[in-house]
Amino acid sequence: MPHDTPAVKGNDRSVRNTERRAERRAEMVDAAMDAVREHGAGVSVADIAKRAGITKPVLYRHFADRADLQRAVGEKSAELLMERIFTALEAADSEADEAALIAHIVDAFLAGIEDEPELWHFVVHNTAEREAGSEIVEDVQERIARLLSILIGERLRAAGLDSGGAEVWALGLVGMVKNAGDWWLERRTMSRAALTSYLTTLIWGGLGGVLAAAAPGRGTPAPGTPAPGTPAPDPTLRAVPDPCEKERDHA
């Protein structure tokens, strides 16, 4: 039986070392995410290293700098968020219409940032490394937009309309949902179900307007009418006060 040559053994060792470094880096990313959950979005690199059971110099053998670490955490967080969205879609009723599927996507996104608010702030709103976070956010927005553009495009094509605007509309809608999600995390003036309903109604109403313009008689949802398949807003929750109303009362 032929023996392995030194070159082959050296290659095997190199592959094993590369795999081990990748494993160690992944372990450190998991530790960093746990540290963010424990200490908040302003967690220090020292806290992250401590959580991983190593020193800062060892941590920086695997990451070029804090931005590299934040980017790695963001990529892992993005994967978890996309898994949540795909799981929600897979669990959806096979007969669900496009409006219900849009509601599933919106709600899964909101559930993701609701369950991991510190990770969301660490990746998206970290002022020290904003550029690294913006890269991750753009990637997530594009991936979610692709899902929405498929749903919007299918609906437009089924109506015999031009679907060329589906992608740009989807990107705009995802940006809207992201900004609304940021506002909601800070304010919490309504339930997640209510916010999902309002956003889905707005998204579906916009598409309904396009369809109605091309085919009179279809009609668009009445203002405030939830889109088909979306949860109804919780009537027990208070509305956001209108500052203009106070001014009118004292006028």
C-alpha atoms as a PDB file:
ATOM      1  CA  MET A   1       0.000   0.000   0.000  1.00  0.00           C
ATOM      2  CA  PRO A   2       1.492   3.384  -0.995  1.00  0.00           C
ATOM      3  CA  HIS A   3       2.405   5.749   1.802  1.00  0.00           C
ATOM      4  CA  ASP A   4       1.206   9.368   1.908  1.00  0.00           C
ATOM      5  CA  THR A   5       3.839  11.735   0.664  1.00  0.00           C
ATOM      6  CA  PRO A   6       4.966  14.591   2.955  1.00  0.00           C
ATOM      7  CA  ALA A   7       3.182  17.059   0.646  1.00  0.00           C
ATOM      8  CA  VAL A   8      -0.166  15.252   1.063  1.00  0.00           C
ATOM      9  CA  LYS A   9       0.228  15.106   4.836  1.00  0.00           C
ATOM     10  CA  GLY A  10       1.094  18.782   4.895  1.00  0.00           C
ATOM     11  CA  ASN A  11      -2.024  19.639   2.884  1.00  0.00           C
ATOM     12  CA  ASP A  12      -4.202  17.579   5.231  1.00  0.00           C
ATOM     13  CA  ARG A  13      -2.738  19.398   8.210  1.00  0.00           C
ATOM     14  CA  SER A  14      -3.356  22.755   6.559  1.00  0.00           C
ATOM     15  CA  VAL A  15      -6.990  21.844   5.862  1.00  0.00           C
ATOM     16  CA  ARG A  16      -7.490  20.726   9.468  1.00  0.00           C
ATOM     17  CA  ASN A  17      -5.950  23.938  10.779  1.00  0.00           C
ATOM     18  CA  THR A  18      -8.191  26.019   8.536  1.00  0.00           C
ATOM     19  CA  GLU A  19     -11.277  24.107   9.661  1.00  0.00           C
ATOM     20  CA  ARG A  20     -10.291  24.449  13.299  1.00  0.00           C
ATOM     21  CA  ARG A  21      -9.779  28.215  12.941  1.00  0.00           C
ATOM     22  CA  ALA A  22     -13.214  28.501  11.333  1.00  0.00           C
ATOM     23  CA  GLU A  23     -14.730  26.519  14.209  1.00  0.00           C
ATOM     24  CA  ARG A  24     -12.999  28.691  16.805  1.00  0.00           C
ATOM     25  CA  ARG A  25     -14.148  31.856  15.044  1.00  0.00           C
ATOM     26  CA  ALA A  26     -17.735  30.560  14.979  1.00  0.00           C
ATOM     27  CA  GLU A  27     -17.508  29.751  18.706  1.00  0.00           C
ATOM     28  CA  MET A  28     -16.293  33.290  19.405  1.00  0.00           C
ATOM     29  CA  VAL A  29     -19.149  34.761  17.387  1.00  0.00           C
ATOM     30  CA  ASP A  30     -21.636  32.748  19.472  1.00  0.00           C
ATOM     31  CA  ALA A  31     -19.894  33.970  22.643  1.00  0.00           C
ATOM     32  CA  ALA A  32     -20.054  37.562  21.373  1.00  0.00           C
ATOM     33  CA  MET A  33     -23.799  37.233  20.757  1.00  0.00           C
ATOM     34  CA  ASP A  34     -24.303  35.901  24.286  1.00  0.00           C
ATOM     35  CA  ALA A  35     -22.228  38.802  25.647  1.00  0.00           C
ATOM     36  CA  VAL A  36     -24.390  41.308  23.749  1.00  0.00           C
ATOM     37  CA  ARG A  37     -27.525  39.705  25.164  1.00  0.00           C
ATOM     38  CA  GLU A  38     -26.064  39.934  28.678  1.00  0.00           C
ATOM     39  CA  HIS A  39     -24.389  43.347  28.601  1.00  0.00           C
ATOM     40  CA  GLY A  40     -26.353  45.144  25.901  1.00  0.00           C
ATOM     41  CA  ALA A  41     -25.417  46.721  22.601  1.00  0.00           C
ATOM     42  CA  GLY A  42     -22.588  48.701  24.215  1.00  0.00           C
ATOM     43  CA  VAL A  43     -20.730  45.547  25.260  1.00  0.00           C
ATOM     44  CA  SER A  44     -16.944  45.854  25.381  1.00  0.00           C
ATOM     45  CA  VAL A  45     -14.477  43.625  23.574  1.00  0.00           C
ATOM     46  CA  ALA A  46     -13.135  42.645  27.014  1.00  0.00           C
ATOM     47  CA  ASP A  47     -16.603  41.381  28.015  1.00  0.00           C
ATOM     48  CA  ILE A  48     -16.844  39.418  24.765  1.00  0.00           C
ATOM     49  CA  ALA A  49     -13.410  37.847  25.291  1.00  0.00           C
ATOM     50  CA  LYS A  50     -14.307  36.983  28.866  1.00  0.00           C
ATOM     51  CA  ARG A  51     -17.516  35.318  27.728  1.00  0.00           C
ATOM     52  CA  ALA A  52     -15.505  33.271  25.222  1.00  0.00           C
ATOM     53  CA  GLY A  53     -13.035  32.278  27.950  1.00  0.00           C
ATOM     54  CA  ILE A  54     -10.080  33.902  26.206  1.00  0.00           C
ATOM     55  CA  THR A  55      -8.077  37.122  26.284  1.00  0.00           C
ATOM     56  CA  LYS A  56      -8.459  40.093  23.938  1.00  0.00           C
ATOM     57  CA  PRO A  57      -5.180  39.325  22.102  1.00  0.00           C
ATOM     58  CA  VAL A  58      -6.426  35.801  21.378  1.00  0.00           C
ATOM     59  CA  LEU A  59      -9.755  37.193  20.164  1.00  0.00           C
ATOM     60  CA  TYR A  60      -7.970  39.525  17.771  1.00  0.00           C
ATOM     61  CA  ARG A  61      -6.080  36.619  16.255  1.00  0.00           C
ATOM     62  CA  HIS A  62      -9.398  35.629  14.711  1.00  0.00           C
ATOM     63  CA  PHE A  63     -10.831  39.094  13.963  1.00  0.00           C
ATOM     64  CA  ALA A  64      -9.021  41.989  12.315  1.00  0.00           C
ATOM     65  CA  ASP A  65     -10.712  44.577  14.534  1.00  0.00           C
ATOM     66  CA  ARG A  66     -13.989  45.354  16.311  1.00  0.00           C
ATOM     67  CA  ALA A  67     -15.689  46.087  12.978  1.00  0.00           C
ATOM     68  CA  ASP A  68     -14.742  42.615  11.740  1.00  0.00           C
ATOM     69  CA  LEU A  69     -16.217  41.091  14.898  1.00  0.00           C
ATOM     70  CA  GLN A  70     -19.385  43.164  14.576  1.00  0.00           C
ATOM     71  CA  ARG A  71     -19.720  42.159  10.928  1.00  0.00           C
ATOM     72  CA  ALA A  72     -19.402  38.465  11.870  1.00  0.00           C
ATOM     73  CA  VAL A  73     -22.034  38.852  14.601  1.00  0.00           C
ATOM     74  CA  GLY A  74     -24.271  40.695  12.143  1.00  0.00           C
ATOM     75  CA  GLU A  75     -23.937  37.960   9.529  1.00  0.00           C
ATOM     76  CA  LYS A  76     -24.874  35.281  12.075  1.00  0.00           C
ATOM     77  CA  SER A  77     -27.790  37.383  13.344  1.00  0.00           C
ATOM     78  CA  ALA A  78     -28.962  37.903   9.770  1.00  0.00           C
ATOM     79  CA  GLU A  79     -28.920  34.148   9.162  1.00  0.00           C
ATOM     80  CA  LEU A  80     -31.050  33.588  12.264  1.00  0.00           C
ATOM     81  CA  LEU A  81     -33.498  36.271  11.136  1.00  0.00           C
ATOM     82  CA  MET A  82     -33.805  34.803   7.636  1.00  0.00           C
ATOM     83  CA  GLU A  83     -34.298  31.311   9.112  1.00  0.00           C
ATOM     84  CA  ARG A  84     -37.145  32.719  11.185  1.00  0.00           C
ATOM     85  CA  ILE A  85     -38.766  34.219   8.079  1.00  0.00           C
ATOM     86  CA  PHE A  86     -38.386  31.051   6.003  1.00  0.00           C
ATOM     87  CA  THR A  87     -39.762  28.957   8.875  1.00  0.00           C
ATOM     88  CA  ALA A  88     -42.804  31.264   9.097  1.00  0.00           C
ATOM     89  CA  LEU A  89     -43.415  30.928   5.366  1.00  0.00           C
ATOM     90  CA  GLU A  90     -43.046  27.155   5.489  1.00  0.00           C
ATOM     91  CA  ALA A  91     -45.563  26.998   8.325  1.00  0.00           C
ATOM     92  CA  ALA A  92     -48.064  29.142   6.423  1.00  0.00           C
ATOM     93  CA  ASP A  93     -51.228  27.598   5.070  1.00  0.00           C
ATOM     94  CA  SER A  94     -50.559  26.195   1.609  1.00  0.00           C
ATOM     95  CA  GLU A  95     -53.684  28.031   0.420  1.00  0.00           C
ATOM     96  CA  ALA A  96     -52.597  31.373   1.895  1.00  0.00           C
ATOM     97  CA  ASP A  97     -52.888  34.325  -0.487  1.00  0.00           C
ATOM     98  CA  GLU A  98     -50.170  36.894  -1.108  1.00  0.00           C
ATOM     99  CA  ALA A  99     -51.479  39.264   1.575  1.00  0.00           C
ATOM    100  CA  ALA A 100     -51.236  36.555   4.227  1.00  0.00           C
ATOM    101  CA  LEU A 101     -47.702  35.646   3.100  1.00  0.00           C
ATOM    102  CA  ILE A 102     -46.665  39.287   3.303  1.00  0.00           C
ATOM    103  CA  ALA A 103     -48.084  39.380   6.837  1.00  0.00           C
ATOM    104  CA  HIS A 104     -45.990  36.311   7.724  1.00  0.00           C
ATOM    105  CA  ILE A 105     -42.820  37.989   6.426  1.00  0.00           C
ATOM    106  CA  VAL A 106     -43.520  41.252   8.262  1.00  0.00           C
ATOM    107  CA  ASP A 107     -44.427  39.525  11.519  1.00  0.00           C
ATOM    108  CA  ALA A 108     -41.391  37.213  11.398  1.00  0.00           C
ATOM    109  CA  PHE A 109     -39.111  40.223  10.929  1.00  0.00           C
ATOM    110  CA  LEU A 110     -40.720  42.099  13.818  1.00  0.00           C
ATOM    111  CA  ALA A 111     -40.595  38.986  16.014  1.00  0.00           C
ATOM    112  CA  GLY A 112     -36.882  38.668  15.268  1.00  0.00           C
ATOM    113  CA  ILE A 113     -35.996  42.184  16.396  1.00  0.00           C
ATOM    114  CA  GLU A 114     -38.407  41.938  19.336  1.00  0.00           C
ATOM    115  CA  ASP A 115     -36.742  38.766  20.626  1.00  0.00           C
ATOM    116  CA  GLU A 116     -33.197  40.067  20.067  1.00  0.00           C
ATOM    117  CA  PRO A 117     -33.361  43.860  20.597  1.00  0.00           C
ATOM    118  CA  GLU A 118     -29.804  44.175  21.930  1.00  0.00           C
ATOM    119  CA  LEU A 119     -28.370  42.250  18.984  1.00  0.00           C
ATOM    120  CA  TRP A 120     -30.396  44.433  16.626  1.00  0.00           C
ATOM    121  CA  HIS A 121     -29.020  47.600  18.219  1.00  0.00           C
ATOM    122  CA  PHE A 122     -25.476  46.175  18.325  1.00  0.00           C
ATOM    123  CA  VAL A 123     -25.495  45.428  14.602  1.00  0.00           C
ATOM    124  CA  VAL A 124     -27.625  48.275  13.264  1.00  0.00           C
ATOM    125  CA  HIS A 125     -27.123  51.209  15.611  1.00  0.00           C
ATOM    126  CA  ASN A 126     -23.586  50.782  16.885  1.00  0.00           C
ATOM    127  CA  THR A 127     -22.197  54.282  16.395  1.00  0.00           C
ATOM    128  CA  ALA A 128     -18.600  53.095  16.739  1.00  0.00           C
ATOM    129  CA  GLU A 129     -18.859  50.735  13.770  1.00  0.00           C
ATOM    130  CA  ARG A 130     -21.860  52.022  11.836  1.00  0.00           C
ATOM    131  CA  GLU A 131     -20.373  51.092   8.450  1.00  0.00           C
ATOM    132  CA  ALA A 132     -20.103  47.404   9.364  1.00  0.00           C
ATOM    133  CA  GLY A 133     -23.709  47.390  10.560  1.00  0.00           C
ATOM    134  CA  SER A 134     -25.031  49.155   7.484  1.00  0.00           C
ATOM    135  CA  GLU A 135     -23.528  46.471   5.241  1.00  0.00           C
ATOM    136  CA  ILE A 136     -25.420  43.765   7.120  1.00  0.00           C
ATOM    137  CA  VAL A 137     -28.689  45.720   7.131  1.00  0.00           C
ATOM    138  CA  GLU A 138     -28.468  46.310   3.379  1.00  0.00           C
ATOM    139  CA  ASP A 139     -27.866  42.606   2.791  1.00  0.00           C
ATOM    140  CA  VAL A 140     -30.843  41.580   4.965  1.00  0.00           C
ATOM    141  CA  GLN A 141     -33.074  44.168   3.315  1.00  0.00           C
ATOM    142  CA  GLU A 142     -32.133  42.893  -0.136  1.00  0.00           C
ATOM    143  CA  ARG A 143     -32.794  39.271   0.841  1.00  0.00           C
ATOM    144  CA  ILE A 144     -36.209  40.051   2.335  1.00  0.00           C
ATOM    145  CA  ALA A 145     -36.992  42.296  -0.634  1.00  0.00           C
ATOM    146  CA  ARG A 146     -36.333  39.382  -2.984  1.00  0.00           C
ATOM    147  CA  LEU A 147     -39.020  37.406  -1.186  1.00  0.00           C
ATOM    148  CA  LEU A 148     -41.479  40.283  -1.414  1.00  0.00           C
ATOM    149  CA  SER A 149     -40.619  41.009  -5.050  1.00  0.00           C
ATOM    150  CA  ILE A 150     -41.482  37.406  -5.947  1.00  0.00           C
ATOM    151  CA  LEU A 151     -44.913  37.744  -4.307  1.00  0.00           C
ATOM    152  CA  ILE A 152     -45.559  41.166  -5.823  1.00  0.00           C
ATOM    153  CA  GLY A 153     -44.276  40.117  -9.244  1.00  0.00           C
ATOM    154  CA  GLU A 154     -46.450  37.010  -9.317  1.00  0.00           C
ATOM    155  CA  ARG A 155     -49.517  39.054  -8.427  1.00  0.00           C
ATOM    156  CA  LEU A 156     -48.794  41.631 -11.127  1.00  0.00           C
ATOM    157  CA  ARG A 157     -48.122  39.029 -13.801  1.00  0.00           C
ATOM    158  CA  ALA A 158     -51.294  37.154 -12.864  1.00  0.00           C
ATOM    159  CA  ALA A 159     -53.188  40.387 -13.524  1.00  0.00           C
ATOM    160  CA  GLY A 160     -51.440  40.816 -16.874  1.00  0.00           C
ATOM    161  CA  LEU A 161     -49.455  43.832 -15.637  1.00  0.00           C
ATOM    162  CA  ASP A 162     -45.817  44.859 -15.981  1.00  0.00           C
ATOM    163  CA  SER A 163     -43.844  43.380 -13.059  1.00  0.00           C
ATOM    164  CA  GLY A 164     -40.724  45.450 -13.745  1.00  0.00           C
ATOM    165  CA  GLY A 165     -41.277  47.591 -10.666  1.00  0.00           C
ATOM    166  CA  ALA A 166     -41.685  44.662  -8.268  1.00  0.00           C
ATOM    167  CA  GLU A 167     -38.086  44.711  -7.008  1.00  0.00           C
ATOM    168  CA  VAL A 168     -37.798  48.446  -6.427  1.00  0.00           C
ATOM    169  CA  TRP A 169     -41.202  48.499  -4.717  1.00  0.00           C
ATOM    170  CA  ALA A 170     -40.125  45.599  -2.522  1.00  0.00           C
ATOM    171  CA  LEU A 171     -36.914  47.390  -1.500  1.00  0.00           C
ATOM    172  CA  GLY A 172     -38.895  50.493  -0.585  1.00  0.00           C
ATOM    173  CA  LEU A 173     -41.400  48.465   1.417  1.00  0.00           C
ATOM    174  CA  VAL A 174     -38.675  46.634   3.336  1.00  0.00           C
ATOM    175  CA  GLY A 175     -37.067  49.963   4.226  1.00  0.00           C
ATOM    176  CA  MET A 176     -40.444  51.136   5.506  1.00  0.00           C
ATOM    177  CA  VAL A 177     -40.884  48.011   7.645  1.00  0.00           C
ATOM    178  CA  LYS A 178     -37.345  48.343   9.018  1.00  0.00           C
ATOM    179  CA  ASN A 179     -37.900  51.984  10.017  1.00  0.00           C
ATOM    180  CA  ALA A 180     -41.301  51.188  11.522  1.00  0.00           C
ATOM    181  CA  GLY A 181     -39.699  48.331  13.451  1.00  0.00           C
ATOM    182  CA  ASP A 182     -37.061  50.708  14.867  1.00  0.00           C
ATOM    183  CA  TRP A 183     -39.776  53.121  15.963  1.00  0.00           C
ATOM    184  CA  TRP A 184     -41.819  50.327  17.490  1.00  0.00           C
ATOM    185  CA  LEU A 185     -38.918  48.948  19.531  1.00  0.00           C
ATOM    186  CA  GLU A 186     -38.508  52.366  21.140  1.00  0.00           C
ATOM    187  CA  ARG A 187     -42.155  53.340  21.571  1.00  0.00           C
ATOM    188  CA  ARG A 188     -44.163  50.108  22.009  1.00  0.00           C
ATOM    189  CA  THR A 189     -47.473  51.947  21.660  1.00  0.00           C
ATOM    190  CA  MET A 190     -49.122  48.958  20.005  1.00  0.00           C
ATOM    191  CA  SER A 191     -48.829  45.182  19.878  1.00  0.00           C
ATOM    192  CA  ARG A 192     -46.726  43.378  17.300  1.00  0.00           C
ATOM    193  CA  ALA A 193     -49.910  41.944  15.802  1.00  0.00           C
ATOM    194  CA  ALA A 194     -51.340  45.450  15.368  1.00  0.00           C
ATOM    195  CA  LEU A 195     -48.163  46.761  13.747  1.00  0.00           C
ATOM    196  CA  THR A 196     -48.051  43.750  11.429  1.00  0.00           C
ATOM    197  CA  SER A 197     -51.661  44.411  10.451  1.00  0.00           C
ATOM    198  CA  TYR A 198     -51.097  48.114   9.765  1.00  0.00           C
ATOM    199  CA  LEU A 199     -47.954  47.522   7.714  1.00  0.00           C
ATOM    200  CA  THR A 200     -49.490  44.668   5.747  1.00  0.00           C
ATOM    201  CA  THR A 201     -52.577  46.766   5.015  1.00  0.00           C
ATOM    202  CA  LEU A 202     -50.376  49.582   3.719  1.00  0.00           C
ATOM    203  CA  ILE A 203     -48.296  47.218   1.575  1.00  0.00           C
ATOM    204  CA  TRP A 204     -51.290  45.330   0.243  1.00  0.00           C
ATOM    205  CA  GLY A 205     -53.282  48.517  -0.243  1.00  0.00           C
ATOM    206  CA  GLY A 206     -50.514  49.949  -2.408  1.00  0.00           C
ATOM    207  CA  LEU A 207     -50.461  46.865  -4.586  1.00  0.00           C
ATOM    208  CA  GLY A 208     -54.263  46.864  -4.666  1.00  0.00           C
ATOM    209  CA  GLY A 209     -54.149  50.424  -5.962  1.00  0.00           C
ATOM    210  CA  VAL A 210     -51.903  49.393  -8.844  1.00  0.00           C
ATOM    211  CA  LEU A 211     -54.176  46.475  -9.695  1.00  0.00           C
ATOM    212  CA  ALA A 212     -57.309  48.613  -9.460  1.00  0.00           C
ATOM    213  CA  ALA A 213     -55.858  51.310 -11.720  1.00  0.00           C
ATOM    214  CA  ALA A 214     -55.240  48.715 -14.423  1.00  0.00           C
ATOM    215  CA  ALA A 215     -58.531  46.896 -13.935  1.00  0.00           C
ATOM    216  CA  PRO A 216     -61.366  49.170 -12.732  1.00  0.00           C
ATOM    217  CA  GLY A 217     -63.852  47.334 -10.587  1.00  0.00           C
ATOM    218  CA  ARG A 218     -61.293  45.494  -8.498  1.00  0.00           C
ATOM    219  CA  GLY A 219     -61.340  48.232  -5.916  1.00  0.00           C
ATOM    220  CA  THR A 220     -58.821  49.013  -3.212  1.00  0.00           C
ATOM    221  CA  PRO A 221     -59.096  48.289   0.490  1.00  0.00           C
ATOM    222  CA  ALA A 222     -60.897  50.996   2.424  1.00  0.00           C
ATOM    223  CA  PRO A 223     -58.626  53.096   4.665  1.00  0.00           C
ATOM    224  CA  GLY A 224     -57.954  51.252   7.899  1.00  0.00           C
ATOM    225  CA  THR A 225     -59.255  47.949   6.545  1.00  0.00           C
ATOM    226  CA  PRO A 226     -56.887  45.086   7.435  1.00  0.00           C
ATOM    227  CA  ALA A 227     -55.537  43.135   4.481  1.00  0.00           C
ATOM    228  CA  PRO A 228     -56.882  39.595   4.058  1.00  0.00           C
ATOM    229  CA  GLY A 229     -55.159  37.147   6.354  1.00  0.00           C
ATOM    230  CA  THR A 230     -53.675  39.759   8.708  1.00  0.00           C
ATOM    231  CA  PRO A 231     -54.347  39.938  12.464  1.00  0.00           C
ATOM    232  CA  ALA A 232     -56.720  42.635  13.647  1.00  0.00           C
ATOM    233  CA  PRO A 233     -55.253  45.466  15.753  1.00  0.00           C
ATOM    234  CA  ASP A 234     -55.783  45.177  19.499  1.00  0.00           C
ATOM    235  CA  PRO A 235     -58.593  47.656  20.321  1.00  0.00           C
ATOM    236  CA  THR A 236     -57.547  47.802  23.999  1.00  0.00           C
ATOM    237  CA  LEU A 237     -54.227  49.472  23.187  1.00  0.00           C
ATOM    238  CA  ARG A 238     -54.096  53.242  23.345  1.00  0.00           C
ATOM    239  CA  ALA A 239     -53.408  55.244  20.234  1.00  0.00           C
ATOM    240  CA  VAL A 240     -50.408  57.545  19.919  1.00  0.00           C
ATOM    241  CA  PRO A 241     -51.458  61.033  21.159  1.00  0.00           C
ATOM    242  CA  ASP A 242     -51.779  63.631  18.428  1.00  0.00           C
ATOM    243  CA  PRO A 243     -49.859  66.775  19.533  1.00  0.00           C
ATOM    244  CA  CYS A 244     -51.811  68.866  17.014  1.00  0.00           C
ATOM    245  CA  GLU A 245     -55.066  67.937  18.731  1.00  0.00           C
ATOM    246  CA  LYS A 246     -53.910  69.536  21.998  1.00  0.00           C
ATOM    247  CA  GLU A 247     -53.007  72.709  20.158  1.00  0.00           C
ATOM    248  CA  ARG A 248     -56.474  72.817  18.571  1.00  0.00           C
ATOM    249  CA  ASP A 249     -58.125  72.317  21.969  1.00  0.00           C
ATOM    250  CA  HIS A 250     -56.270  75.319  23.426  1.00  0.00           C
ATOM    251  CA  ALA A 251     -56.749  77.503  20.379  1.00  0.00           C
END
